[in-house]
């Protein structure tokens, strides 16, 4: 599964440009992804939840909502 595929699941519009790994966290993976829509680039922050530390990621997302 690619980072672009994951972003599409969150309905991020536009054309995928790049992904940069941010090395600021120590539990989850954090990425800055860039999409271009209508000639304008927009950055988004995406995190990969560490399933070893957080055993029930679905519950985490439910808690966020």
N, C-alpha and C. Protein backbone atom coordinates (compact mmCIF):
# COMPACT_ATOMS: atom_id res chain seq x y z
N UNK A 1 0.84 -1.17 0.00
CA UNK A 1 0.00 0.00 0.00
C UNK A 1 0.90 1.24 0.00
N UNK A 2 0.64 2.17 -0.89
CA UNK A 2 1.47 3.36 -1.00
C UNK A 2 0.87 4.51 -0.19
N UNK A 3 1.69 5.51 0.10
CA UNK A 3 1.21 6.70 0.81
C UNK A 3 0.16 7.42 -0.02
N UNK A 4 0.30 7.41 -1.34
CA UNK A 4 -0.71 8.04 -2.20
C UNK A 4 -2.04 7.32 -2.05
N UNK A 5 -2.02 6.00 -2.01
CA UNK A 5 -3.24 5.21 -1.85
C UNK A 5 -3.94 5.57 -0.53
N UNK A 6 -3.16 5.69 0.53
CA UNK A 6 -3.71 6.05 1.84
C UNK A 6 -4.34 7.44 1.79
N UNK A 7 -3.66 8.38 1.17
CA UNK A 7 -4.19 9.75 1.07
C UNK A 7 -5.50 9.78 0.30
N UNK A 8 -5.61 8.97 -0.74
CA UNK A 8 -6.85 8.91 -1.53
C UNK A 8 -8.01 8.43 -0.67
N UNK A 9 -7.74 7.56 0.30
CA UNK A 9 -8.80 7.09 1.19
C UNK A 9 -9.36 8.23 2.03
N UNK A 10 -8.55 9.29 2.24
CA UNK A 10 -9.00 10.46 2.99
C UNK A 10 -9.49 11.58 2.05
N UNK A 11 -9.66 11.23 0.77
CA UNK A 11 -10.24 12.12 -0.24
C UNK A 11 -9.43 13.40 -0.45
N UNK A 12 -8.11 13.30 -0.36
CA UNK A 12 -7.26 14.45 -0.65
C UNK A 12 -7.31 14.70 -2.15
N UNK A 13 -7.68 15.91 -2.54
CA UNK A 13 -7.84 16.19 -3.98
C UNK A 13 -6.51 16.52 -4.66
N UNK A 14 -6.51 16.38 -5.98
CA UNK A 14 -5.38 16.81 -6.77
C UNK A 14 -4.44 15.69 -7.15
N UNK A 15 -3.29 16.10 -7.72
CA UNK A 15 -2.29 15.14 -8.19
C UNK A 15 -1.20 15.02 -7.13
N UNK A 16 -0.85 13.79 -6.81
CA UNK A 16 0.21 13.51 -5.84
C UNK A 16 1.54 14.00 -6.40
N UNK A 17 2.29 14.76 -5.56
CA UNK A 17 3.58 15.30 -5.99
C UNK A 17 4.74 14.61 -5.27
N UNK A 18 4.70 14.60 -3.93
CA UNK A 18 5.84 14.03 -3.18
C UNK A 18 5.43 13.67 -1.76
N UNK A 19 6.32 12.91 -1.14
CA UNK A 19 6.19 12.54 0.27
C UNK A 19 7.56 12.69 0.92
N UNK A 20 7.59 13.35 2.07
CA UNK A 20 8.82 13.54 2.82
C UNK A 20 8.61 12.98 4.22
N UNK A 21 9.51 12.12 4.66
CA UNK A 21 9.44 11.59 6.02
C UNK A 21 9.90 12.65 7.01
N UNK A 22 9.10 12.88 8.04
CA UNK A 22 9.46 13.82 9.09
C UNK A 22 9.98 13.00 10.28
N UNK A 23 11.16 13.31 10.72
CA UNK A 23 11.81 12.52 11.77
C UNK A 23 11.65 13.18 13.13
N UNK A 24 10.44 13.66 13.44
CA UNK A 24 10.23 14.38 14.69
C UNK A 24 9.59 13.52 15.77
N UNK A 25 8.92 12.44 15.41
CA UNK A 25 8.26 11.60 16.40
C UNK A 25 9.09 10.37 16.70
N UNK A 26 8.75 9.69 17.78
CA UNK A 26 9.49 8.47 18.10
C UNK A 26 8.58 7.26 18.28
N UNK A 27 7.28 7.40 18.02
CA UNK A 27 6.38 6.25 18.11
C UNK A 27 5.76 5.96 16.75
N UNK A 28 5.11 6.95 16.16
CA UNK A 28 4.44 6.78 14.87
C UNK A 28 5.31 7.32 13.74
N UNK A 29 5.04 6.87 12.53
CA UNK A 29 5.71 7.43 11.36
C UNK A 29 4.95 8.67 10.91
N UNK A 30 5.63 9.77 10.67
CA UNK A 30 4.99 11.02 10.27
C UNK A 30 5.54 11.46 8.92
N UNK A 31 4.63 11.87 8.03
CA UNK A 31 5.01 12.21 6.66
C UNK A 31 4.33 13.50 6.23
N UNK A 32 5.03 14.30 5.44
CA UNK A 32 4.42 15.47 4.80
C UNK A 32 4.23 15.11 3.33
N UNK A 33 2.99 15.10 2.90
CA UNK A 33 2.69 14.78 1.51
C UNK A 33 2.19 16.04 0.81
N UNK A 34 2.55 16.16 -0.44
CA UNK A 34 2.18 17.34 -1.23
C UNK A 34 1.33 16.90 -2.41
N UNK A 35 0.22 17.60 -2.60
CA UNK A 35 -0.67 17.40 -3.75
C UNK A 35 -0.82 18.73 -4.46
N UNK A 36 -1.02 18.68 -5.77
CA UNK A 36 -1.27 19.88 -6.56
C UNK A 36 -2.70 19.81 -7.09
N UNK A 37 -3.47 20.84 -6.77
CA UNK A 37 -4.87 20.91 -7.20
C UNK A 37 -5.13 22.30 -7.74
N UNK A 38 -5.62 22.39 -8.96
CA UNK A 38 -5.89 23.67 -9.61
C UNK A 38 -4.67 24.58 -9.62
N UNK A 39 -3.49 24.00 -9.86
CA UNK A 39 -2.27 24.77 -9.97
C UNK A 39 -1.64 25.18 -8.65
N UNK A 40 -2.24 24.82 -7.53
CA UNK A 40 -1.72 25.21 -6.22
C UNK A 40 -1.29 23.96 -5.45
N UNK A 41 -0.08 24.02 -4.88
CA UNK A 41 0.39 22.89 -4.06
C UNK A 41 -0.12 23.04 -2.63
N UNK A 42 -0.53 21.92 -2.06
CA UNK A 42 -1.03 21.89 -0.69
C UNK A 42 -0.33 20.74 0.05
N UNK A 43 0.20 21.02 1.24
CA UNK A 43 0.85 20.00 2.06
C UNK A 43 -0.13 19.46 3.09
N UNK A 44 0.02 18.17 3.39
CA UNK A 44 -0.78 17.50 4.41
C UNK A 44 0.16 16.69 5.29
N UNK A 45 -0.20 16.54 6.55
CA UNK A 45 0.55 15.68 7.46
C UNK A 45 -0.22 14.38 7.63
N UNK A 46 0.48 13.26 7.42
CA UNK A 46 -0.12 11.92 7.53
C UNK A 46 0.71 11.13 8.53
N UNK A 47 0.03 10.40 9.41
CA UNK A 47 0.76 9.56 10.36
C UNK A 47 0.40 8.10 10.19
N UNK A 48 1.42 7.26 10.32
CA UNK A 48 1.24 5.80 10.35
C UNK A 48 1.29 5.41 11.82
N UNK A 49 0.17 4.89 12.31
CA UNK A 49 0.09 4.51 13.72
C UNK A 49 0.89 3.22 13.93
N UNK A 50 1.72 3.23 14.96
CA UNK A 50 2.52 2.07 15.32
C UNK A 50 1.62 1.03 15.99
N UNK A 51 1.27 -0.03 15.26
CA UNK A 51 0.34 -1.04 15.76
C UNK A 51 0.95 -1.89 16.87
N UNK A 52 2.26 -1.86 17.01
CA UNK A 52 2.90 -2.57 18.12
C UNK A 52 2.63 -1.85 19.43
N UNK A 53 2.66 -0.53 19.40
CA UNK A 53 2.41 0.27 20.60
C UNK A 53 0.92 0.45 20.82
N UNK A 54 0.19 0.75 19.77
CA UNK A 54 -1.26 0.96 19.84
C UNK A 54 -1.95 -0.24 19.21
N UNK A 55 -2.39 -1.15 20.04
CA UNK A 55 -2.92 -2.44 19.57
C UNK A 55 -4.24 -2.34 18.82
N UNK A 56 -5.02 -1.28 19.06
CA UNK A 56 -6.34 -1.13 18.44
C UNK A 56 -6.45 0.21 17.72
N UNK A 57 -5.82 0.35 16.56
CA UNK A 57 -5.83 1.64 15.86
C UNK A 57 -7.23 2.14 15.51
N UNK A 58 -8.17 1.24 15.28
CA UNK A 58 -9.55 1.65 14.96
C UNK A 58 -10.14 2.40 16.15
N UNK A 59 -9.87 1.94 17.36
CA UNK A 59 -10.36 2.62 18.56
C UNK A 59 -9.71 3.99 18.72
N UNK A 60 -8.46 4.12 18.32
CA UNK A 60 -7.78 5.43 18.39
C UNK A 60 -8.52 6.41 17.48
N UNK A 61 -8.82 6.00 16.26
CA UNK A 61 -9.50 6.88 15.33
C UNK A 61 -10.91 7.21 15.84
N UNK A 62 -11.58 6.27 16.45
CA UNK A 62 -12.91 6.52 17.02
C UNK A 62 -12.80 7.55 18.14
N UNK A 63 -11.75 7.46 18.94
CA UNK A 63 -11.54 8.41 20.03
C UNK A 63 -11.28 9.81 19.49
N UNK A 64 -10.54 9.91 18.39
CA UNK A 64 -10.27 11.21 17.78
C UNK A 64 -11.55 11.87 17.30
N UNK A 65 -12.41 11.06 16.67
CA UNK A 65 -13.69 11.60 16.18
C UNK A 65 -14.54 12.04 17.33
